Amino acid sequence: MRRRSQTLPFSCDRTTRTARLLRCVDAEPFGEIVMAKRPPIILTPFFQPRDEGAAEQQMYVAGFADEAGEAWGTLIPLDAAMVEHAVLGLQAFTVWCNSDGRIQPQPSSDSLFEELLEKGQLAETPLDELVAEAIEQGKNEPNDDILDMFETLHERLVRAQGMVADEIARRRR
């Protein structure tokens, strides 16, 4: 007696052979198995204070977060002093004097300037308050050390006062 598989014509395609084989063993085909592809998970690196509400940070954490802001994997704790030294050590700051005499720190990066300004971390100080602070800090210094510095401060303030007076006069003409 011949086996059933030997009686199948060689020319029949794979689907027909599979269907006949399933009938022989009295089985039903499963249908197509469809593997659903999940959308890719996009992780973004983040760096933030560990204690967001704290007045002074002791630690920062770095890691990866998904689009919902949920952290993935291990968070890496970083000492605040090391982070601030590394970050600010590479950033150049200048000082900006507004037209009304308020002095403000200004990082060289425009994007960092905008971000720090929005967070209120670029405090403005009036020029007269800075001068008062300089005088206060120098009060206990010996005259030999501080007198020349106060004279230089006075000369600069007189020169600045003259420049402001000249600009006011020019604009009133």
Foldseek 3Di string as FASTA:
>chain_A
DDDPVVPDDPPDDPVVVVVVVCVVVVHDDPPDDDDDDDDDWDKDKDKAAPDNVDPDGQWIWIAIATPVRHGDDDIDIDGPVVVCCVVVVPWDWDWDADPQQWIWIDTPDPVVRVVCVVVVNTDTDHNVVVVVVVCVVCVPPDCVPPVVVVVVVVVVVVVVVVVNVVVVVVVVD
